[in-house]
Amino acid sequence: MQDIAIEMVDVNKWFDDFHVLKDINLTVKTGERVVICGPSGSGKSTVVRCINRLEVHQKGIIRVHGAELVDASAALNAHVGMVFQQFNLFPHLTVLENLTLGPMKARGLSRREADDLARGYLERVRIPEQADKKPGQLSGGQQQRVAIARSLCMEPKVLLFDEPTSALDPEMISEVLDVMVELADTGMTMIVVTHEMGFARKVADQMIFMDEGEIVEVGTPEMFFEAPKSARCRKFLSQILKH
């Protein structure tokens, strides 16, 4: 039986009086690729931010590989990596320094070990030649690939993506999605918040549609795109697939 990587049971989250997540139940198996989509403000990003402890849920249970996340001290959960909409790279450090900082500080690697690891992952995301540049010298697509490599350097068991292409120019989106497809092919457990439906069709094992803080629909890509059950999901797909 496949191990369960992420489990959310009746998870609720409020921002003051705003009920942003309502009884979220989600199971992600090891090696599974899950795409979460839905209209703006539906709670998609809050789900992944709760898994990564950037937000703390007030009710329900979240488990990562069987360990329950109980408080904000779990924020540096070594099993979970995150790639953000904005690249969040340190502008004053080189690409290589951005990648080696975490492994040296959090994992205790020597500089040589961290350098070797970082260069290997820069090869994986196809920009080894950018190691000594500063982030500001790179395109947006290259910066996002650096951000993916930085997460991989922590060797997480689960990688979360929060709309990783939404801040990019259209011509740069495919280079980032290509790297993510290759990553999915390696068996990495991935939860991806995105509106890139072509990517979702190609990569997802499970599609999740959210609206107004609830999971409205769950299914395979075939079911989701060909025969969505809910009117809300059909409306969303009709709008997004026009573009």
Protein backbone atom coordinates (compact mmCIF):
# COMPACT_ATOMS: atom_id res chain seq x y z
CA MET A 1 0.00 0.00 0.00
CA GLN A 2 1.24 3.46 -0.95
CA ASP A 3 2.35 5.60 2.01
CA ILE A 4 0.32 8.71 2.78
CA ALA A 5 2.47 11.84 2.43
CA ILE A 6 -0.08 14.51 3.40
CA GLU A 7 -3.32 14.12 5.28
CA MET A 8 -5.72 16.94 6.13
CA VAL A 9 -8.74 16.06 8.27
CA ASP A 10 -11.56 18.61 8.84
CA VAL A 11 -9.10 21.52 8.62
CA ASN A 12 -10.54 24.97 9.28
CA LYS A 13 -8.81 28.34 9.16
CA TRP A 14 -10.02 31.85 9.92
CA PHE A 15 -8.46 35.24 9.26
CA ASP A 16 -10.23 37.20 12.01
CA ASP A 17 -13.93 36.75 11.10
CA PHE A 18 -13.25 35.45 7.59
CA HIS A 19 -13.65 31.66 7.37
CA VAL A 20 -11.02 30.96 4.69
CA LEU A 21 -10.88 27.13 4.91
CA LYS A 22 -14.00 25.11 5.70
CA ASP A 23 -13.66 21.43 6.70
CA ILE A 24 -10.86 20.60 4.27
CA ASN A 25 -10.25 16.86 3.83
CA LEU A 26 -7.36 15.88 1.58
CA THR A 27 -5.15 12.81 1.24
CA VAL A 28 -2.00 12.84 -0.91
CA LYS A 29 -0.07 9.61 -1.37
CA THR A 30 3.70 9.42 -1.69
CA GLY A 31 4.67 10.08 -5.30
CA GLU A 32 1.28 11.54 -6.17
CA ARG A 33 0.92 14.82 -8.10
CA VAL A 34 -2.06 16.93 -7.02
CA VAL A 35 -3.18 20.12 -8.76
CA ILE A 36 -5.41 22.56 -6.86
CA CYS A 37 -7.34 25.11 -8.90
CA GLY A 38 -10.23 27.47 -8.40
CA PRO A 39 -11.15 31.15 -8.59
CA SER A 40 -9.14 33.84 -6.84
CA GLY A 41 -9.83 33.92 -3.09
CA SER A 42 -11.04 30.32 -2.93
CA GLY A 43 -8.45 29.29 -0.30
CA LYS A 44 -6.03 27.39 -2.58
CA SER A 45 -2.87 29.14 -1.42
CA THR A 46 -3.96 28.95 2.22
CA VAL A 47 -4.13 25.14 1.96
CA VAL A 48 -0.48 24.83 0.89
CA ARG A 49 0.62 27.53 3.34
CA CYS A 50 -0.99 25.55 6.18
CA ILE A 51 0.85 22.39 5.10
CA ASN A 52 4.11 24.36 5.18
CA ARG A 53 3.16 26.07 8.48
CA LEU A 54 3.39 29.55 7.01
CA GLU A 55 -0.20 29.72 8.27
CA VAL A 56 -1.49 27.89 11.34
CA HIS A 57 -4.93 26.27 11.11
CA GLN A 58 -7.27 26.65 14.10
CA LYS A 59 -9.21 23.40 13.81
CA GLY A 60 -8.63 19.93 12.39
CA ILE A 61 -5.53 17.79 11.83
CA ILE A 62 -2.67 18.02 9.32
CA ARG A 63 -0.18 15.15 9.13
CA VAL A 64 3.01 15.06 7.05
CA HIS A 65 4.29 11.48 6.64
CA GLY A 66 2.35 10.50 9.75
CA ALA A 67 3.61 13.31 12.00
CA GLU A 68 0.96 15.78 13.10
CA LEU A 69 1.72 19.48 12.68
CA VAL A 70 0.64 20.90 15.98
CA ASP A 71 2.05 24.43 16.25
CA ALA A 72 4.08 27.10 14.52
CA SER A 73 7.33 25.52 15.73
CA ALA A 74 6.85 22.95 12.98
CA ALA A 75 7.48 25.74 10.45
CA LEU A 76 10.88 24.36 9.47
CA ASN A 77 9.42 20.96 8.66
CA ALA A 78 12.30 19.28 6.87
CA HIS A 79 9.99 17.13 4.79
CA VAL A 80 8.23 19.99 3.00
CA GLY A 81 9.65 22.38 0.41
CA MET A 82 7.84 25.38 -1.06
CA VAL A 83 8.11 27.34 -4.30
CA PHE A 84 6.35 30.71 -4.20
CA GLN A 85 4.71 32.99 -6.74
CA GLN A 86 7.43 35.55 -6.10
CA PHE A 87 10.88 33.99 -6.17
CA ASN A 88 11.97 35.12 -2.67
CA LEU A 89 15.67 34.90 -3.52
CA PHE A 90 18.24 36.94 -1.59
CA PRO A 91 19.26 39.66 -4.08
CA HIS A 92 22.68 40.28 -2.50
CA LEU A 93 23.75 36.62 -2.76
CA THR A 94 24.79 34.72 -5.88
CA VAL A 95 22.59 31.92 -7.19
CA LEU A 96 24.97 29.35 -5.66
CA GLU A 97 24.95 31.13 -2.30
CA ASN A 98 21.13 31.21 -2.33
CA LEU A 99 21.13 27.45 -2.83
CA THR A 100 23.81 26.51 -0.29
CA LEU A 101 22.56 28.64 2.62
CA GLY A 102 19.79 26.26 3.71
CA PRO A 103 21.74 22.99 3.45
CA MET A 104 24.66 24.46 5.42
CA LYS A 105 22.57 26.11 8.14
CA ALA A 106 19.69 23.66 8.53
CA ARG A 107 21.23 20.36 7.42
CA GLY A 108 24.82 20.89 8.61
CA LEU A 109 26.47 20.26 5.25
CA SER A 110 30.00 21.52 4.62
CA ARG A 111 30.48 24.21 1.98
CA ARG A 112 31.89 21.67 -0.46
CA GLU A 113 28.99 19.25 0.10
CA ALA A 114 26.46 22.08 -0.27
CA ASP A 115 28.19 23.38 -3.42
CA ASP A 116 28.17 19.92 -5.03
CA LEU A 117 24.50 19.46 -4.12
CA ALA A 118 23.54 22.93 -5.43
CA ARG A 119 25.41 22.51 -8.72
CA GLY A 120 23.70 19.16 -9.24
CA TYR A 121 20.27 20.73 -8.84
CA LEU A 122 21.19 23.68 -11.07
CA GLU A 123 21.96 21.05 -13.73
CA ARG A 124 18.55 19.49 -13.03
CA VAL A 125 16.76 22.81 -13.70
CA ARG A 126 19.04 23.47 -16.69
CA ILE A 127 20.85 26.62 -15.58
CA PRO A 128 24.28 25.46 -14.27
CA GLU A 129 25.96 28.37 -16.03
CA GLN A 130 24.12 30.91 -13.84
CA ALA A 131 25.69 29.78 -10.54
CA ASP A 132 27.83 32.87 -9.98
CA LYS A 133 25.29 35.50 -11.04
CA LYS A 134 23.05 37.52 -8.76
CA PRO A 135 19.27 36.97 -9.07
CA GLY A 136 18.80 40.44 -10.58
CA GLN A 137 20.91 39.39 -13.58
CA LEU A 138 18.50 36.56 -14.44
CA SER A 139 15.16 36.47 -16.22
CA GLY A 140 12.01 35.74 -14.22
CA GLY A 141 11.89 32.20 -15.56
CA GLN A 142 15.50 31.59 -14.58
CA GLN A 143 14.87 33.02 -11.09
CA GLN A 144 11.91 30.68 -10.59
CA ARG A 145 14.06 27.73 -11.68
CA VAL A 146 16.65 28.82 -9.10
CA ALA A 147 13.85 28.88 -6.50
CA ILE A 148 12.88 25.30 -7.45
CA ALA A 149 16.53 24.19 -7.19
CA ARG A 150 16.79 25.90 -3.79
CA SER A 151 13.82 23.90 -2.49
CA LEU A 152 15.29 20.68 -3.89
CA CYS A 153 18.58 21.35 -2.08
CA MET A 154 16.75 20.72 1.20
CA GLU A 155 15.81 17.29 -0.24
CA PRO A 156 12.16 17.49 0.80
CA LYS A 157 9.75 14.55 0.59
CA VAL A 158 6.94 16.85 -0.56
CA LEU A 159 7.21 19.92 -2.77
CA LEU A 160 4.49 22.60 -2.71
CA PHE A 161 4.06 25.13 -5.51
CA ASP A 162 1.94 28.25 -4.97
CA GLU A 163 1.08 29.62 -8.43
CA PRO A 164 4.73 29.34 -9.55
CA THR A 165 4.18 30.79 -13.03
CA SER A 166 1.69 33.60 -12.33
CA ALA A 167 4.38 36.28 -11.94
CA LEU A 168 6.14 35.31 -15.19
CA ASP A 169 5.92 36.71 -18.70
CA PRO A 170 4.13 34.26 -21.04
CA GLU A 171 7.29 33.22 -22.90
CA MET A 172 8.95 32.19 -19.61
CA ILE A 173 6.09 30.05 -18.31
CA SER A 174 6.88 26.98 -20.42
CA GLU A 175 10.51 26.79 -19.28
CA VAL A 176 9.37 26.58 -15.65
CA LEU A 177 6.55 24.13 -16.41
CA ASP A 178 8.98 21.91 -18.36
CA VAL A 179 11.20 21.65 -15.28
CA MET A 180 8.16 20.86 -13.12
CA VAL A 181 7.04 18.11 -15.54
CA GLU A 182 10.52 16.56 -15.39
CA LEU A 183 10.41 16.76 -11.60
CA ALA A 184 7.03 15.03 -11.55
CA ASP A 185 8.50 12.26 -13.70
CA THR A 186 11.09 11.54 -10.98
CA GLY A 187 8.31 10.55 -8.56
CA MET A 188 8.43 13.66 -6.34
CA THR A 189 5.25 14.16 -4.30
CA MET A 190 3.87 17.50 -5.51
CA ILE A 191 0.95 19.75 -4.64
CA VAL A 192 0.62 22.52 -7.22
CA VAL A 193 -1.70 25.52 -7.03
CA THR A 194 -1.98 26.71 -10.62
CA HIS A 195 -4.24 27.88 -13.44
CA GLU A 196 -2.04 26.13 -16.04
CA MET A 197 -4.55 23.53 -17.17
CA GLY A 198 -2.30 22.06 -19.87
CA PHE A 199 0.25 21.24 -17.17
CA ALA A 200 -2.51 19.81 -14.98
CA ARG A 201 -3.73 17.49 -17.75
CA LYS A 202 -0.19 16.25 -18.37
CA VAL A 203 1.01 15.77 -14.80
CA ALA A 204 -1.82 15.51 -12.25
CA ASP A 205 -2.92 12.24 -10.68
CA GLN A 206 -5.63 14.12 -8.80
CA MET A 207 -7.40 17.40 -9.54
CA ILE A 208 -8.97 19.44 -6.75
CA PHE A 209 -11.35 22.32 -7.39
CA MET A 210 -11.89 24.81 -4.58
CA ASP A 211 -14.40 27.63 -4.22
CA GLU A 212 -15.26 29.84 -1.23
CA GLY A 213 -12.96 27.92 1.13
CA GLU A 214 -14.32 24.47 0.30
CA ILE A 215 -13.17 21.52 -1.77
CA VAL A 216 -16.04 21.29 -4.25
CA GLU A 217 -14.75 18.58 -6.56
CA VAL A 218 -12.00 15.92 -6.58
CA GLY A 219 -11.21 13.64 -9.49
CA THR A 220 -8.78 12.41 -12.10
CA PRO A 221 -7.88 14.87 -14.89
CA GLU A 222 -10.11 12.88 -17.28
CA MET A 223 -13.14 13.18 -14.99
CA PHE A 224 -12.37 16.77 -14.09
CA PHE A 225 -11.98 18.11 -17.63
CA GLU A 226 -14.44 15.89 -19.50
CA ALA A 227 -17.28 15.49 -16.99
CA PRO A 228 -17.14 17.96 -14.08
CA LYS A 229 -19.96 17.27 -11.64
CA SER A 230 -20.63 20.68 -10.09
CA ALA A 231 -21.99 23.78 -11.77
CA ARG A 232 -19.30 25.87 -10.04
CA CYS A 233 -16.55 23.73 -11.54
CA ARG A 234 -18.12 23.79 -15.01
CA LYS A 235 -18.34 27.58 -14.87
CA PHE A 236 -14.70 27.90 -13.76
CA LEU A 237 -13.47 25.60 -16.54
CA SER A 238 -15.53 27.38 -19.20
CA GLN A 239 -13.93 30.68 -18.18
CA ILE A 240 -10.35 29.50 -17.82
CA LEU A 241 -10.24 27.28 -20.91
CA LYS A 242 -11.29 30.22 -23.10
CA HIS A 243 -7.89 31.83 -22.56
